[in-house]
C-alpha atoms as a PDB file:
ATOM      1  CA  MET A   1      51.730  20.535  59.096  1.00  0.00           C
ATOM      2  CA  SER A   2      50.418  24.036  58.625  1.00  0.00           C
ATOM      3  CA  ASP A   3      51.587  27.186  60.380  1.00  0.00           C
ATOM      4  CA  ALA A   4      48.875  26.731  62.992  1.00  0.00           C
ATOM      5  CA  ASP A   5      50.510  23.443  64.002  1.00  0.00           C
ATOM      6  CA  GLY A   6      53.841  25.157  64.534  1.00  0.00           C
ATOM      7  CA  LYS A   7      55.893  23.038  62.153  1.00  0.00           C
ATOM      8  CA  VAL A   8      56.144  25.422  59.239  1.00  0.00           C
ATOM      9  CA  THR A   9      57.946  28.388  60.703  1.00  0.00           C
ATOM     10  CA  SER A  10      59.182  30.083  57.538  1.00  0.00           C
ATOM     11  CA  LYS A  11      56.674  31.775  55.287  1.00  0.00           C
ATOM     12  CA  ASP A  12      59.205  31.758  52.442  1.00  0.00           C
ATOM     13  CA  THR A  13      59.856  28.020  52.801  1.00  0.00           C
ATOM     14  CA  ARG A  14      56.140  27.270  52.846  1.00  0.00           C
ATOM     15  CA  GLU A  15      55.565  29.342  49.714  1.00  0.00           C
ATOM     16  CA  VAL A  16      58.426  27.590  47.915  1.00  0.00           C
ATOM     17  CA  ILE A  17      56.890  24.214  48.746  1.00  0.00           C
ATOM     18  CA  MET A  18      53.385  25.343  47.758  1.00  0.00           C
ATOM     19  CA  GLU A  19      54.496  26.742  44.411  1.00  0.00           C
ATOM     20  CA  ALA A  20      56.530  23.602  43.730  1.00  0.00           C
ATOM     21  CA  THR A  21      53.357  21.632  44.459  1.00  0.00           C
ATOM     22  CA  PHE A  22      51.545  23.718  41.825  1.00  0.00           C
ATOM     23  CA  ARG A  23      54.139  22.861  39.231  1.00  0.00           C
ATOM     24  CA  ALA A  24      54.185  19.166  40.118  1.00  0.00           C
ATOM     25  CA  LEU A  25      50.398  18.861  40.146  1.00  0.00           C
ATOM     26  CA  SER A  26      50.185  20.625  36.791  1.00  0.00           C
ATOM     27  CA  LYS A  27      52.556  18.067  35.296  1.00  0.00           C
ATOM     28  CA  HIS A  28      51.528  14.841  37.009  1.00  0.00           C
ATOM     29  CA  GLY A  29      47.973  15.294  38.302  1.00  0.00           C
ATOM     30  CA  TYR A  30      46.778  14.393  41.779  1.00  0.00           C
ATOM     31  CA  THR A  31      46.554  10.605  41.389  1.00  0.00           C
ATOM     32  CA  ASP A  32      50.095  10.136  40.074  1.00  0.00           C
ATOM     33  CA  LEU A  33      51.706  12.832  42.200  1.00  0.00           C
ATOM     34  CA  ARG A  34      54.598  11.720  44.403  1.00  0.00           C
ATOM     35  CA  MET A  35      56.468  13.684  47.020  1.00  0.00           C
ATOM     36  CA  ARG A  36      59.632  13.307  44.964  1.00  0.00           C
ATOM     37  CA  ASP A  37      57.887  15.061  42.049  1.00  0.00           C
ATOM     38  CA  ILE A  38      57.392  18.099  44.271  1.00  0.00           C
ATOM     39  CA  GLY A  39      60.994  17.925  45.449  1.00  0.00           C
ATOM     40  CA  GLU A  40      62.192  18.013  41.857  1.00  0.00           C
ATOM     41  CA  GLU A  41      60.334  21.298  41.316  1.00  0.00           C
ATOM     42  CA  MET A  42      62.266  23.290  43.924  1.00  0.00           C
ATOM     43  CA  ASP A  43      65.832  24.129  44.891  1.00  0.00           C
ATOM     44  CA  LEU A  44      65.377  22.940  48.469  1.00  0.00           C
ATOM     45  CA  THR A  45      65.996  19.296  49.335  1.00  0.00           C
ATOM     46  CA  ARG A  46      63.077  16.889  49.433  1.00  0.00           C
ATOM     47  CA  GLN A  47      63.761  16.326  53.122  1.00  0.00           C
ATOM     48  CA  VAL A  48      62.446  19.841  53.753  1.00  0.00           C
ATOM     49  CA  ILE A  49      59.000  18.688  52.635  1.00  0.00           C
ATOM     50  CA  HIS A  50      59.054  15.678  54.936  1.00  0.00           C
ATOM     51  CA  TYR A  51      60.198  17.869  57.804  1.00  0.00           C
ATOM     52  CA  HIS A  52      57.194  20.156  57.434  1.00  0.00           C
ATOM     53  CA  PHE A  53      54.499  17.711  56.289  1.00  0.00           C
ATOM     54  CA  ASP A  54      53.429  14.238  57.379  1.00  0.00           C
ATOM     55  CA  GLY A  55      53.057  12.800  53.914  1.00  0.00           C
ATOM     56  CA  LYS A  56      51.147  13.605  50.762  1.00  0.00           C
ATOM     57  CA  TYR A  57      47.725  14.013  52.359  1.00  0.00           C
ATOM     58  CA  ASP A  58      48.960  16.508  54.934  1.00  0.00           C
ATOM     59  CA  LEU A  59      50.712  18.481  52.195  1.00  0.00           C
ATOM     60  CA  MET A  60      47.614  18.464  49.961  1.00  0.00           C
ATOM     61  CA  SER A  61      45.452  19.732  52.826  1.00  0.00           C
ATOM     62  CA  SER A  62      47.787  22.670  53.406  1.00  0.00           C
ATOM     63  CA  PHE A  63      48.072  23.255  49.677  1.00  0.00           C
ATOM     64  CA  LEU A  64      44.297  23.436  49.338  1.00  0.00           C
ATOM     65  CA  GLU A  65      44.150  26.054  52.081  1.00  0.00           C
ATOM     66  CA  TYR A  66      46.972  27.942  50.357  1.00  0.00           C
ATOM     67  CA  ILE A  67      45.255  28.258  46.981  1.00  0.00           C
ATOM     68  CA  ILE A  68      41.951  29.190  48.616  1.00  0.00           C
ATOM     69  CA  ASP A  69      43.713  31.931  50.609  1.00  0.00           C
ATOM     70  CA  GLN A  70      45.247  33.245  47.391  1.00  0.00           C
ATOM     71  CA  TYR A  71      41.903  33.179  45.642  1.00  0.00           C
ATOM     72  CA  GLU A  72      39.996  34.908  48.424  1.00  0.00           C
ATOM     73  CA  GLY A  73      42.672  37.549  48.857  1.00  0.00           C
ATOM     74  CA  GLY A  74      42.498  38.605  45.233  1.00  0.00           C
ATOM     75  CA  VAL A  75      39.366  40.763  45.272  1.00  0.00           C
ATOM     76  CA  GLU A  76      40.242  44.422  44.849  1.00  0.00           C
ATOM     77  CA  VAL A  77      37.419  46.812  45.664  1.00  0.00           C
ATOM     78  CA  PRO A  78      38.093  50.564  45.879  1.00  0.00           C
ATOM     79  CA  ALA A  79      37.563  52.040  49.317  1.00  0.00           C
ATOM     80  CA  GLY A  80      34.044  53.401  49.655  1.00  0.00           C
ATOM     81  CA  ALA A  81      32.875  51.634  46.491  1.00  0.00           C
ATOM     82  CA  ASP A  82      29.133  51.538  45.914  1.00  0.00           C
ATOM     83  CA  PRO A  83      27.366  48.140  46.005  1.00  0.00           C
ATOM     84  CA  ARG A  84      27.174  47.886  42.213  1.00  0.00           C
ATOM     85  CA  THR A  85      30.924  48.343  41.847  1.00  0.00           C
ATOM     86  CA  GLU A  86      31.696  45.857  44.599  1.00  0.00           C
ATOM     87  CA  LEU A  87      29.301  43.250  43.233  1.00  0.00           C
ATOM     88  CA  ASP A  88      30.817  43.590  39.759  1.00  0.00           C
ATOM     89  CA  ALA A  89      34.327  43.215  41.215  1.00  0.00           C
ATOM     90  CA  ARG A  90      33.430  40.071  43.132  1.00  0.00           C
ATOM     91  CA  ILE A  91      31.730  38.432  40.154  1.00  0.00           C
ATOM     92  CA  ASP A  92      34.626  39.311  37.845  1.00  0.00           C
ATOM     93  CA  GLN A  93      37.172  37.951  40.305  1.00  0.00           C
ATOM     94  CA  CYS A  94      35.306  34.655  40.537  1.00  0.00           C
ATOM     95  CA  LEU A  95      34.911  34.314  36.773  1.00  0.00           C
ATOM     96  CA  PHE A  96      38.211  35.733  35.536  1.00  0.00           C
ATOM     97  CA  GLY A  97      40.410  35.586  38.599  1.00  0.00           C
ATOM     98  CA  PRO A  98      43.185  37.688  40.080  1.00  0.00           C
ATOM     99  CA  GLU A  99      46.504  38.009  38.266  1.00  0.00           C
ATOM    100  CA  PHE A 100      49.423  35.841  39.376  1.00  0.00           C
ATOM    101  CA  GLY A 101      53.090  35.998  38.471  1.00  0.00           C
ATOM    102  CA  GLU A 102      53.950  32.425  37.521  1.00  0.00           C
ATOM    103  CA  PHE A 103      50.648  30.660  36.908  1.00  0.00           C
ATOM    104  CA  THR A 104      47.560  32.133  35.323  1.00  0.00           C
ATOM    105  CA  HIS A 105      44.232  32.105  37.088  1.00  0.00           C
ATOM    106  CA  TRP A 106      43.109  29.158  34.967  1.00  0.00           C
ATOM    107  CA  ASP A 107      46.300  27.206  35.630  1.00  0.00           C
ATOM    108  CA  ARG A 108      45.421  27.518  39.300  1.00  0.00           C
ATOM    109  CA  MET A 109      41.746  26.773  38.791  1.00  0.00           C
ATOM    110  CA  LYS A 110      42.652  23.588  36.921  1.00  0.00           C
ATOM    111  CA  VAL A 111      44.561  22.352  39.959  1.00  0.00           C
ATOM    112  CA  TYR A 112      41.793  23.573  42.276  1.00  0.00           C
ATOM    113  CA  HIS A 113      39.159  21.636  40.354  1.00  0.00           C
ATOM    114  CA  GLU A 114      41.259  18.495  40.272  1.00  0.00           C
ATOM    115  CA  LEU A 115      41.319  18.540  44.065  1.00  0.00           C
ATOM    116  CA  TYR A 116      37.613  19.447  44.009  1.00  0.00           C
ATOM    117  CA  THR A 117      36.778  16.232  42.150  1.00  0.00           C
ATOM    118  CA  GLN A 118      38.599  14.227  44.827  1.00  0.00           C
ATOM    119  CA  ALA A 119      36.512  15.798  47.593  1.00  0.00           C
ATOM    120  CA  GLN A 120      33.552  13.466  47.009  1.00  0.00           C
ATOM    121  CA  ASN A 121      35.633  10.723  48.645  1.00  0.00           C
ATOM    122  CA  ASP A 122      37.334  12.866  51.259  1.00  0.00           C
ATOM    123  CA  GLY A 123      35.350  14.324  54.143  1.00  0.00           C
ATOM    124  CA  GLN A 124      38.031  16.764  55.296  1.00  0.00           C
ATOM    125  CA  HIS A 125      38.634  18.246  51.879  1.00  0.00           C
ATOM    126  CA  ARG A 126      34.896  18.330  51.169  1.00  0.00           C
ATOM    127  CA  GLU A 127      34.432  20.373  54.329  1.00  0.00           C
ATOM    128  CA  THR A 128      37.163  22.793  53.205  1.00  0.00           C
ATOM    129  CA  PHE A 129      35.527  23.247  49.803  1.00  0.00           C
ATOM    130  CA  ASN A 130      32.113  23.688  51.425  1.00  0.00           C
ATOM    131  CA  GLU A 131      33.488  26.434  53.643  1.00  0.00           C
ATOM    132  CA  HIS A 132      35.051  28.160  50.636  1.00  0.00           C
ATOM    133  CA  TYR A 133      31.819  27.910  48.658  1.00  0.00           C
ATOM    134  CA  GLY A 134      29.952  29.365  51.626  1.00  0.00           C
ATOM    135  CA  ARG A 135      32.322  32.312  51.883  1.00  0.00           C
ATOM    136  CA  ILE A 136      32.005  33.117  48.164  1.00  0.00           C
ATOM    137  CA  ARG A 137      28.233  32.916  48.342  1.00  0.00           C
ATOM    138  CA  GLY A 138      28.167  34.847  51.610  1.00  0.00           C
ATOM    139  CA  SER A 139      30.273  37.689  50.228  1.00  0.00           C
ATOM    140  CA  ILE A 140      27.823  38.118  47.339  1.00  0.00           C
ATOM    141  CA  VAL A 141      24.814  37.941  49.664  1.00  0.00           C
ATOM    142  CA  ASP A 142      26.376  40.600  51.910  1.00  0.00           C
ATOM    143  CA  VAL A 143      26.824  43.002  48.988  1.00  0.00           C
ATOM    144  CA  VAL A 144      23.269  42.429  47.774  1.00  0.00           C
ATOM    145  CA  GLU A 145      21.897  43.045  51.266  1.00  0.00           C
ATOM    146  CA  GLU A 146      23.925  46.233  51.562  1.00  0.00           C
ATOM    147  CA  GLY A 147      22.696  47.394  48.170  1.00  0.00           C
ATOM    148  CA  ILE A 148      19.096  46.817  49.247  1.00  0.00           C
ATOM    149  CA  GLU A 149      19.646  48.778  52.450  1.00  0.00           C
ATOM    150  CA  ARG A 150      21.208  51.660  50.523  1.00  0.00           C
ATOM    151  CA  GLY A 151      18.449  51.724  47.916  1.00  0.00           C
ATOM    152  CA  ALA A 152      20.753  50.699  45.053  1.00  0.00           C
ATOM    153  CA  PHE A 153      19.106  47.286  44.597  1.00  0.00           C
ATOM    154  CA  ARG A 154      15.503  46.213  44.530  1.00  0.00           C
ATOM    155  CA  ASP A 155      14.057  44.481  47.575  1.00  0.00           C
ATOM    156  CA  VAL A 156      14.826  40.890  46.592  1.00  0.00           C
ATOM    157  CA  ASP A 157      15.685  37.676  48.420  1.00  0.00           C
ATOM    158  CA  ALA A 158      19.441  38.271  48.806  1.00  0.00           C
ATOM    159  CA  GLU A 159      20.100  34.640  49.776  1.00  0.00           C
ATOM    160  CA  ARG A 160      18.526  33.304  46.601  1.00  0.00           C
ATOM    161  CA  VAL A 161      20.258  35.882  44.395  1.00  0.00           C
ATOM    162  CA  GLY A 162      23.597  35.047  45.997  1.00  0.00           C
ATOM    163  CA  GLN A 163      22.972  31.336  45.514  1.00  0.00           C
ATOM    164  CA  LEU A 164      22.048  31.786  41.862  1.00  0.00           C
ATOM    165  CA  ILE A 165      25.083  33.942  41.029  1.00  0.00           C
ATOM    166  CA  THR A 166      27.444  31.580  42.841  1.00  0.00           C
ATOM    167  CA  ASP A 167      26.056  28.536  41.049  1.00  0.00           C
ATOM    168  CA  VAL A 168      26.356  30.240  37.656  1.00  0.00           C
ATOM    169  CA  ILE A 169      29.998  31.047  38.469  1.00  0.00           C
ATOM    170  CA  HIS A 170      30.777  27.452  39.466  1.00  0.00           C
ATOM    171  CA  ALA A 171      29.055  26.021  36.401  1.00  0.00           C
ATOM    172  CA  ALA A 172      30.961  28.345  34.068  1.00  0.00           C
ATOM    173  CA  ARG A 173      34.309  27.530  35.651  1.00  0.00           C
ATOM    174  CA  GLY A 174      33.607  23.824  35.459  1.00  0.00           C
ATOM    175  CA  ARG A 175      32.591  24.075  31.792  1.00  0.00           C
ATOM    176  CA  ARG A 176      35.763  25.931  30.902  1.00  0.00           C
ATOM    177  CA  ILE A 177      38.065  23.587  32.784  1.00  0.00           C
ATOM    178  CA  SER A 178      36.419  20.232  32.107  1.00  0.00           C
ATOM    179  CA  LEU A 179      35.052  20.815  28.600  1.00  0.00           C
ATOM    180  CA  GLY A 180      37.551  23.381  27.304  1.00  0.00           C
ATOM    181  CA  HIS A 181      34.877  26.004  26.586  1.00  0.00           C
ATOM    182  CA  GLU A 182      37.079  29.065  26.921  1.00  0.00           C
ATOM    183  CA  ASP A 183      34.199  31.452  26.341  1.00  0.00           C
ATOM    184  CA  ALA A 184      32.153  30.023  29.242  1.00  0.00           C
ATOM    185  CA  PRO A 185      33.176  32.654  31.851  1.00  0.00           C
ATOM    186  CA  ARG A 186      32.430  35.560  29.516  1.00  0.00           C
ATOM    187  CA  GLU A 187      29.106  34.056  28.468  1.00  0.00           C
ATOM    188  CA  ALA A 188      28.238  33.552  32.129  1.00  0.00           C
ATOM    189  CA  ARG A 189      29.110  37.156  32.876  1.00  0.00           C
ATOM    190  CA  ARG A 190      26.786  38.357  30.112  1.00  0.00           C
ATOM    191  CA  ALA A 191      23.999  36.101  31.390  1.00  0.00           C
ATOM    192  CA  VAL A 192      24.423  37.381  34.951  1.00  0.00           C
ATOM    193  CA  ASP A 193      24.259  40.963  33.683  1.00  0.00           C
ATOM    194  CA  GLU A 194      21.210  40.406  31.499  1.00  0.00           C
ATOM    195  CA  PHE A 195      19.096  38.060  33.585  1.00  0.00           C
ATOM    196  CA  ILE A 196      20.085  38.882  37.151  1.00  0.00           C
ATOM    197  CA  LEU A 197      21.744  42.252  37.589  1.00  0.00           C
ATOM    198  CA  ASP A 198      19.587  44.239  35.162  1.00  0.00           C
ATOM    199  CA  SER A 199      16.536  43.228  37.192  1.00  0.00           C
ATOM    200  CA  LEU A 200      18.345  43.823  40.484  1.00  0.00           C
ATOM    201  CA  TYR A 201      19.400  47.416  39.937  1.00  0.00           C
ATOM    202  CA  VAL A 202      17.039  50.237  40.793  1.00  0.00           C
ATOM    203  CA  ASP A 203      16.511  52.513  37.809  1.00  0.00           C
ATOM    204  CA  ASP A 204      18.544  55.709  38.079  1.00  0.00           C
END
């Protein structure tokens, strides 16, 4: 279970299990993943996993929340940043990701997207991904609305702009991960700059 359920009481233990799950998923994939594979990726005994989680599905649900928390916590925006700077930071974080110690952003996105593909057959996980998508889109919409209010952006439909940027980001990530097009995120960033942001900014 997750911390909210009261069964995982040690943050360090939870992180060890989550990072071991990353390594196991990277090697075996979701379909072939077994609890013993995760146990082999950590120094703790496999019984620790069974103590904290009621099987593979429960562990995967907590793992999904874990990687989303990491992803959403990675945006670094300077205090008092203007809307342009914040919007750039949020787009860059979505396309290029925060830095991690053991796994790269794309190592983590590969695992994320493997779980994403399973969501079509899993209502609970689909709901989790929908909420994450909504928060990404909402954060972009909020910045655009603030920029409009402050006179930095033109008076546009912030909801539609946020939707468009978010969909471009998701398409680029999927193309890189599924098709191996490593230049997809950078091409998407150039397209966002040229076709969306250049028309959004008020001329100085």
